[in-house]
């Protein structure tokens, strides 16, 4: 695990299983690490961090982290913080809905068009922060 995150910004979504906002957090993460900033970002399993996995804890302590939480419980943020992680940015999916009042994002298993639009906006926001953390360079 440590080799795969070396030199990269960690984008860590909440698990949010069974919730549309959790699905949006995960999909925004995949968009960033797979498409928008694959050379500069990666992710790790929040459950490993919660469990106290040595490599996961070391990764969050030594790399800048961007947490993405679906709901106000802030599970990702709180667990990265508890592990002594370096939180460079905290994103809440629920905040993105301020610009999309009444949006119907979909379900816990499938995003609707509005859900994908909001998720893409979140991904773009995070990718911009990743670039900033990497000195503004496209990766």
N, C-alpha and C. Protein backbone atom coordinates (compact mmCIF):
# COMPACT_ATOMS: atom_id res chain seq x y z
N UNK A 1 0.83 -1.19 0.00
CA UNK A 1 0.00 0.00 0.00
C UNK A 1 0.87 1.25 0.00
N UNK A 2 1.89 1.34 0.82
CA UNK A 2 2.67 2.57 0.94
C UNK A 2 3.30 2.97 -0.38
N UNK A 3 3.78 2.03 -1.16
CA UNK A 3 4.37 2.37 -2.45
C UNK A 3 3.35 2.99 -3.40
N UNK A 4 2.13 2.51 -3.36
CA UNK A 4 1.11 3.00 -4.29
C UNK A 4 0.68 4.42 -3.98
N UNK A 5 0.88 4.89 -2.76
CA UNK A 5 0.46 6.25 -2.42
C UNK A 5 1.62 7.22 -2.31
N UNK A 6 2.83 6.72 -2.46
CA UNK A 6 4.00 7.57 -2.32
C UNK A 6 3.98 8.70 -3.33
N UNK A 7 4.08 9.93 -2.84
CA UNK A 7 4.15 11.07 -3.72
C UNK A 7 2.81 11.54 -4.27
N UNK A 8 1.71 11.01 -3.79
CA UNK A 8 0.40 11.37 -4.32
C UNK A 8 -0.50 11.92 -3.23
N UNK A 9 -1.41 12.79 -3.64
CA UNK A 9 -2.43 13.29 -2.74
C UNK A 9 -3.45 12.18 -2.54
N UNK A 10 -3.83 11.94 -1.30
CA UNK A 10 -4.84 10.93 -1.01
C UNK A 10 -6.22 11.55 -1.03
N UNK A 11 -7.11 10.99 -1.81
CA UNK A 11 -8.50 11.42 -1.85
C UNK A 11 -9.30 10.31 -1.18
N UNK A 12 -9.89 10.63 -0.03
CA UNK A 12 -10.50 9.58 0.79
C UNK A 12 -11.99 9.86 0.99
N UNK A 13 -12.84 9.07 0.32
CA UNK A 13 -14.28 9.27 0.49
C UNK A 13 -14.81 8.50 1.70
N UNK A 14 -15.96 8.93 2.18
CA UNK A 14 -16.64 8.15 3.21
C UNK A 14 -17.11 6.84 2.57
N UNK A 15 -17.47 5.91 3.39
CA UNK A 15 -18.00 4.66 2.85
C UNK A 15 -19.42 4.87 2.37
N UNK A 16 -20.25 5.50 3.16
CA UNK A 16 -21.59 5.91 2.76
C UNK A 16 -22.41 4.86 2.03
N UNK A 17 -22.20 3.60 2.35
CA UNK A 17 -22.92 2.54 1.68
C UNK A 17 -24.40 2.66 2.01
N UNK A 18 -25.24 2.57 1.00
CA UNK A 18 -26.67 2.66 1.22
C UNK A 18 -27.20 4.08 1.16
N UNK A 19 -26.35 5.04 0.83
CA UNK A 19 -26.75 6.44 0.75
C UNK A 19 -26.30 7.03 -0.57
N UNK A 20 -27.15 7.81 -1.22
CA UNK A 20 -26.80 8.41 -2.51
C UNK A 20 -25.61 9.36 -2.35
N UNK A 21 -25.54 10.09 -1.25
CA UNK A 21 -24.43 11.03 -1.06
C UNK A 21 -23.10 10.29 -0.90
N UNK A 22 -23.13 9.11 -0.31
CA UNK A 22 -21.92 8.29 -0.21
C UNK A 22 -21.49 7.80 -1.58
N UNK A 23 -22.45 7.39 -2.40
CA UNK A 23 -22.14 6.97 -3.77
C UNK A 23 -21.51 8.13 -4.53
N UNK A 24 -22.04 9.33 -4.35
CA UNK A 24 -21.49 10.50 -5.03
C UNK A 24 -20.06 10.78 -4.56
N UNK A 25 -19.79 10.62 -3.28
CA UNK A 25 -18.43 10.83 -2.76
C UNK A 25 -17.46 9.84 -3.39
N UNK A 26 -17.87 8.59 -3.48
CA UNK A 26 -17.00 7.57 -4.07
C UNK A 26 -16.79 7.82 -5.56
N UNK A 27 -17.86 8.13 -6.27
CA UNK A 27 -17.74 8.37 -7.72
C UNK A 27 -16.89 9.60 -8.02
N UNK A 28 -17.00 10.64 -7.21
CA UNK A 28 -16.15 11.83 -7.39
C UNK A 28 -14.69 11.45 -7.18
N UNK A 29 -14.43 10.61 -6.20
CA UNK A 29 -13.06 10.14 -5.94
C UNK A 29 -12.52 9.39 -7.15
N UNK A 30 -13.30 8.45 -7.67
CA UNK A 30 -12.84 7.68 -8.84
C UNK A 30 -12.59 8.57 -10.04
N UNK A 31 -13.43 9.58 -10.21
CA UNK A 31 -13.25 10.52 -11.33
C UNK A 31 -11.90 11.22 -11.21
N UNK A 32 -11.56 11.64 -10.00
CA UNK A 32 -10.29 12.34 -9.78
C UNK A 32 -9.11 11.41 -9.99
N UNK A 33 -9.12 10.27 -9.32
CA UNK A 33 -7.93 9.40 -9.36
C UNK A 33 -7.77 8.63 -10.66
N UNK A 34 -8.89 8.37 -11.37
CA UNK A 34 -8.81 7.60 -12.61
C UNK A 34 -8.73 8.47 -13.86
N UNK A 35 -9.34 9.67 -13.84
CA UNK A 35 -9.45 10.47 -15.05
C UNK A 35 -8.82 11.85 -14.97
N UNK A 36 -9.12 12.59 -13.91
CA UNK A 36 -8.72 13.99 -13.86
C UNK A 36 -7.28 14.21 -13.39
N UNK A 37 -6.86 13.49 -12.38
CA UNK A 37 -5.51 13.64 -11.84
C UNK A 37 -4.90 12.29 -11.44
N UNK A 38 -4.84 11.35 -12.38
CA UNK A 38 -4.35 10.01 -12.02
C UNK A 38 -2.89 9.96 -11.59
N UNK A 39 -2.07 10.84 -12.11
CA UNK A 39 -0.66 10.84 -11.74
C UNK A 39 -0.37 11.50 -10.41
N UNK A 40 -1.32 12.27 -9.92
CA UNK A 40 -1.09 13.05 -8.70
C UNK A 40 -1.95 12.62 -7.52
N UNK A 41 -2.89 11.71 -7.75
CA UNK A 41 -3.81 11.34 -6.68
C UNK A 41 -4.06 9.85 -6.65
N UNK A 42 -4.45 9.40 -5.48
CA UNK A 42 -4.85 8.02 -5.28
C UNK A 42 -5.81 7.99 -4.11
N UNK A 43 -6.27 6.82 -3.75
CA UNK A 43 -7.19 6.70 -2.62
C UNK A 43 -6.78 5.51 -1.77
N UNK A 44 -7.42 5.38 -0.64
CA UNK A 44 -7.26 4.18 0.17
C UNK A 44 -8.59 3.87 0.83
N UNK A 45 -8.72 2.67 1.27
CA UNK A 45 -9.97 2.20 1.87
C UNK A 45 -10.12 2.78 3.27
N UNK A 46 -11.19 3.53 3.49
CA UNK A 46 -11.44 4.12 4.80
C UNK A 46 -11.52 3.06 5.89
N UNK A 47 -12.06 1.90 5.58
CA UNK A 47 -12.18 0.83 6.57
C UNK A 47 -10.81 0.40 7.09
N UNK A 48 -9.80 0.40 6.22
CA UNK A 48 -8.44 0.06 6.68
C UNK A 48 -7.95 1.09 7.69
N UNK A 49 -8.24 2.34 7.43
CA UNK A 49 -7.83 3.40 8.34
C UNK A 49 -8.56 3.26 9.68
N UNK A 50 -9.85 3.03 9.63
CA UNK A 50 -10.65 2.87 10.85
C UNK A 50 -10.13 1.69 11.66
N UNK A 51 -9.75 0.64 10.97
CA UNK A 51 -9.23 -0.57 11.61
C UNK A 51 -7.83 -0.35 12.21
N UNK A 52 -7.16 0.72 11.79
CA UNK A 52 -5.83 0.99 12.31
C UNK A 52 -4.71 0.34 11.52
N UNK A 53 -4.99 -0.04 10.27
CA UNK A 53 -3.98 -0.64 9.42
C UNK A 53 -2.74 0.26 9.37
N UNK A 54 -1.58 -0.31 9.68
CA UNK A 54 -0.33 0.46 9.77
C UNK A 54 -0.01 1.24 8.50
N UNK A 55 -0.13 0.60 7.37
CA UNK A 55 0.20 1.27 6.10
C UNK A 55 -0.77 2.41 5.78
N UNK A 56 -2.05 2.20 6.09
CA UNK A 56 -3.04 3.25 5.85
C UNK A 56 -2.79 4.44 6.77
N UNK A 57 -2.50 4.18 8.02
CA UNK A 57 -2.22 5.25 8.98
C UNK A 57 -0.96 6.02 8.56
N UNK A 58 0.07 5.31 8.18
CA UNK A 58 1.30 5.95 7.72
C UNK A 58 1.05 6.82 6.48
N UNK A 59 0.23 6.31 5.58
CA UNK A 59 -0.07 7.05 4.34
C UNK A 59 -0.75 8.38 4.65
N UNK A 60 -1.76 8.38 5.53
CA UNK A 60 -2.47 9.63 5.81
C UNK A 60 -1.62 10.60 6.62
N UNK A 61 -0.66 10.07 7.35
CA UNK A 61 0.22 10.95 8.13
C UNK A 61 1.32 11.59 7.30
N UNK A 62 1.61 11.01 6.16
CA UNK A 62 2.74 11.50 5.37
C UNK A 62 2.35 12.13 4.04
N UNK A 63 1.09 12.07 3.68
CA UNK A 63 0.63 12.63 2.40
C UNK A 63 -0.51 13.61 2.67
N UNK A 64 -0.65 14.64 1.86
CA UNK A 64 -1.81 15.51 2.01
C UNK A 64 -3.08 14.72 1.68
N UNK A 65 -4.12 14.94 2.46
CA UNK A 65 -5.37 14.21 2.28
C UNK A 65 -6.51 15.17 1.96
N UNK A 66 -7.36 14.73 1.07
CA UNK A 66 -8.62 15.42 0.79
C UNK A 66 -9.71 14.43 1.16
N UNK A 67 -10.53 14.80 2.14
CA UNK A 67 -11.61 13.93 2.55
C UNK A 67 -12.89 14.36 1.86
N UNK A 68 -13.74 13.38 1.52
CA UNK A 68 -15.03 13.67 0.91
C UNK A 68 -16.08 12.92 1.73
N UNK A 69 -16.96 13.69 2.34
CA UNK A 69 -18.01 13.10 3.16
C UNK A 69 -19.37 13.36 2.55
N UNK A 70 -20.20 12.33 2.54
CA UNK A 70 -21.53 12.45 1.99
C UNK A 70 -22.49 13.17 2.93
N UNK A 71 -22.33 12.97 4.21
CA UNK A 71 -23.28 13.55 5.16
C UNK A 71 -22.55 14.34 6.24
N UNK A 72 -23.29 15.05 7.07
CA UNK A 72 -22.68 15.87 8.12
C UNK A 72 -21.96 15.09 9.23
N UNK A 73 -22.04 13.77 9.22
CA UNK A 73 -21.33 12.99 10.25
C UNK A 73 -19.82 13.04 10.06
N UNK A 74 -19.36 13.36 8.85
CA UNK A 74 -17.95 13.55 8.53
C UNK A 74 -17.06 12.36 8.91
N UNK A 75 -17.50 11.16 8.59
CA UNK A 75 -16.74 9.96 8.95
C UNK A 75 -15.32 9.95 8.37
N UNK A 76 -15.19 10.32 7.11
CA UNK A 76 -13.87 10.34 6.49
C UNK A 76 -12.98 11.36 7.18
N UNK A 77 -13.46 12.57 7.30
CA UNK A 77 -12.69 13.65 7.94
C UNK A 77 -12.27 13.25 9.35
N UNK A 78 -13.22 12.79 10.14
CA UNK A 78 -12.93 12.46 11.54
C UNK A 78 -11.93 11.31 11.67
N UNK A 79 -12.06 10.30 10.82
CA UNK A 79 -11.14 9.17 10.92
C UNK A 79 -9.74 9.50 10.43
N UNK A 80 -9.62 10.33 9.41
CA UNK A 80 -8.30 10.78 8.97
C UNK A 80 -7.67 11.63 10.08
N UNK A 81 -8.47 12.50 10.67
CA UNK A 81 -7.99 13.34 11.77
C UNK A 81 -7.55 12.49 12.96
N UNK A 82 -8.36 11.51 13.34
CA UNK A 82 -8.02 10.63 14.47
C UNK A 82 -6.72 9.87 14.24
N UNK A 83 -6.45 9.54 12.98
CA UNK A 83 -5.22 8.80 12.64
C UNK A 83 -4.00 9.73 12.56
N UNK A 84 -4.22 11.02 12.78
CA UNK A 84 -3.10 11.97 12.70
C UNK A 84 -2.82 12.41 11.28
N UNK A 85 -3.82 12.29 10.41
CA UNK A 85 -3.64 12.63 9.00
C UNK A 85 -3.50 14.11 8.74
N UNK A 86 -2.91 14.40 7.58
CA UNK A 86 -2.70 15.77 7.13
C UNK A 86 -3.83 16.16 6.19
N UNK A 87 -4.90 16.77 6.74
CA UNK A 87 -6.07 17.12 5.93
C UNK A 87 -5.84 18.46 5.26
N UNK A 88 -5.73 18.40 3.94
CA UNK A 88 -5.51 19.62 3.15
C UNK A 88 -6.84 20.24 2.73
N UNK A 89 -7.88 19.43 2.67
CA UNK A 89 -9.20 19.91 2.23
C UNK A 89 -10.25 18.93 2.72
N UNK A 90 -11.39 19.46 3.12
CA UNK A 90 -12.53 18.64 3.52
C UNK A 90 -13.72 19.05 2.65
N UNK A 91 -14.28 18.10 1.93
CA UNK A 91 -15.40 18.37 1.03
C UNK A 91 -16.61 17.60 1.55
N UNK A 92 -17.76 18.29 1.56
CA UNK A 92 -19.01 17.65 1.96
C UNK A 92 -19.95 17.66 0.76
N UNK A 93 -20.40 16.49 0.36
CA UNK A 93 -21.32 16.37 -0.77
C UNK A 93 -22.57 17.19 -0.53
N UNK A 94 -23.07 17.18 0.69
CA UNK A 94 -24.31 17.92 0.98
C UNK A 94 -24.16 19.41 0.67
N UNK A 95 -22.96 19.95 0.80
CA UNK A 95 -22.74 21.37 0.49
C UNK A 95 -22.94 21.67 -1.00
N UNK A 96 -22.64 20.71 -1.85
CA UNK A 96 -22.78 20.90 -3.29
C UNK A 96 -24.23 21.10 -3.69
N UNK A 97 -25.15 20.67 -2.86
CA UNK A 97 -26.57 20.80 -3.18
C UNK A 97 -27.10 22.22 -2.97
N UNK A 98 -26.31 23.07 -2.34
CA UNK A 98 -26.72 24.47 -2.16
C UNK A 98 -26.92 25.15 -3.52
N UNK A 99 -26.14 24.75 -4.50
CA UNK A 99 -26.27 25.31 -5.85
C UNK A 99 -27.23 24.50 -6.72
N UNK A 100 -27.80 23.44 -6.16
CA UNK A 100 -28.70 22.55 -6.92
C UNK A 100 -29.94 22.23 -6.09
N UNK A 101 -30.61 23.26 -5.64
CA UNK A 101 -31.80 23.05 -4.80
C UNK A 101 -32.84 22.21 -5.55
N UNK A 102 -33.35 21.22 -4.83
CA UNK A 102 -34.38 20.36 -5.40
C UNK A 102 -33.86 19.28 -6.33
N UNK A 103 -32.56 19.17 -6.47
CA UNK A 103 -31.98 18.16 -7.37
C UNK A 103 -32.34 16.75 -6.90
N UNK A 104 -32.56 15.89 -7.84
CA UNK A 104 -32.84 14.48 -7.57
C UNK A 104 -31.63 13.69 -8.08
N UNK A 105 -30.67 13.38 -7.16
CA UNK A 105 -29.42 12.77 -7.59
C UNK A 105 -29.48 11.30 -7.96
N UNK A 106 -30.52 10.62 -7.54
CA UNK A 106 -30.61 9.19 -7.84
C UNK A 106 -30.80 8.40 -6.57
N UNK A 107 -30.28 7.18 -6.57
CA UNK A 107 -30.44 6.28 -5.43
C UNK A 107 -29.06 5.89 -4.89
N UNK A 108 -29.07 5.09 -3.88
CA UNK A 108 -27.82 4.63 -3.28
C UNK A 108 -27.01 3.73 -4.21
N UNK A 109 -27.65 3.22 -5.25
CA UNK A 109 -26.96 2.32 -6.17
C UNK A 109 -26.80 2.86 -7.58
N UNK A 110 -27.52 3.94 -7.90
CA UNK A 110 -27.45 4.46 -9.26
C UNK A 110 -27.73 5.96 -9.28
N UNK A 111 -26.79 6.70 -9.85
CA UNK A 111 -26.96 8.14 -9.96
C UNK A 111 -27.80 8.50 -11.17
N UNK A 112 -28.65 9.50 -10.99
CA UNK A 112 -29.42 10.07 -12.09
C UNK A 112 -28.55 11.15 -12.75
N UNK A 113 -29.04 11.73 -13.84
CA UNK A 113 -28.28 12.75 -14.56
C UNK A 113 -27.86 13.90 -13.63
N UNK A 114 -28.78 14.37 -12.79
CA UNK A 114 -28.44 15.45 -11.86
C UNK A 114 -27.37 15.02 -10.87
N UNK A 115 -27.43 13.78 -10.44
CA UNK A 115 -26.42 13.26 -9.53
C UNK A 115 -25.04 13.24 -10.16
N UNK A 116 -24.98 12.83 -11.44
CA UNK A 116 -23.70 12.82 -12.15
C UNK A 116 -23.17 14.23 -12.35
N UNK A 117 -24.07 15.18 -12.62
CA UNK A 117 -23.65 16.57 -12.82
C UNK A 117 -22.99 17.11 -11.54
N UNK A 118 -23.64 16.89 -10.41
CA UNK A 118 -23.10 17.36 -9.13
C UNK A 118 -21.81 16.63 -8.79
N UNK A 119 -21.80 15.33 -9.02
CA UNK A 119 -20.59 14.53 -8.75
C UNK A 119 -19.42 15.02 -9.59
N UNK A 120 -19.68 15.35 -10.84
CA UNK A 120 -18.62 15.85 -11.71
C UNK A 120 -18.09 17.20 -11.20
N UNK A 121 -18.98 18.06 -10.73
CA UNK A 121 -18.56 19.34 -10.17
C UNK A 121 -17.67 19.14 -8.94
N UNK A 122 -18.05 18.19 -8.10
CA UNK A 122 -17.23 17.88 -6.92
C UNK A 122 -15.87 17.36 -7.36
N UNK A 123 -15.85 16.47 -8.34
CA UNK A 123 -14.60 15.94 -8.86
C UNK A 123 -13.70 17.03 -9.41
N UNK A 124 -14.28 17.98 -10.15
CA UNK A 124 -13.50 19.09 -10.70
C UNK A 124 -12.90 19.95 -9.59
N UNK A 125 -13.69 20.20 -8.55
CA UNK A 125 -13.22 20.98 -7.40
C UNK A 125 -12.04 20.28 -6.73
N UNK A 126 -12.16 18.99 -6.55
CA UNK A 126 -11.09 18.23 -5.88
C UNK A 126 -9.86 18.16 -6.78
N UNK A 127 -10.05 17.96 -8.07
CA UNK A 127 -8.91 17.90 -9.00
C UNK A 127 -8.15 19.22 -8.98
N UNK A 128 -8.86 20.33 -8.91
CA UNK A 128 -8.20 21.64 -8.85
C UNK A 128 -7.36 21.75 -7.58
N UNK A 129 -7.89 21.24 -6.49
CA UNK A 129 -7.14 21.28 -5.22
C UNK A 129 -5.92 20.36 -5.29
N UNK A 130 -6.07 19.21 -5.92
CA UNK A 130 -4.92 18.30 -6.10
C UNK A 130 -3.82 19.01 -6.88
N UNK A 131 -4.19 19.68 -7.97
CA UNK A 131 -3.21 20.42 -8.77
C UNK A 131 -2.52 21.50 -7.93
N UNK A 132 -3.30 22.19 -7.13
CA UNK A 132 -2.75 23.22 -6.26
C UNK A 132 -1.74 22.62 -5.27
N UNK A 133 -2.10 21.49 -4.70
CA UNK A 133 -1.20 20.84 -3.74
C UNK A 133 0.07 20.31 -4.39
N UNK A 134 -0.01 20.05 -5.69
CA UNK A 134 1.15 19.55 -6.44
C UNK A 134 1.90 20.68 -7.13
N UNK A 135 1.64 21.90 -6.73
CA UNK A 135 2.35 23.03 -7.31
C UNK A 135 1.73 23.57 -8.57
N UNK A 136 0.45 23.26 -8.81
CA UNK A 136 -0.24 23.81 -9.96
C UNK A 136 0.02 23.12 -11.27
N UNK A 137 0.75 22.02 -11.27
CA UNK A 137 1.09 21.33 -12.50
C UNK A 137 0.01 20.33 -12.90
N UNK A 138 -0.29 20.25 -14.18
CA UNK A 138 -1.16 19.19 -14.69
C UNK A 138 -0.39 17.88 -14.56
N UNK A 139 -1.03 16.85 -14.09
CA UNK A 139 -0.34 15.57 -13.89
C UNK A 139 -0.70 14.60 -15.00
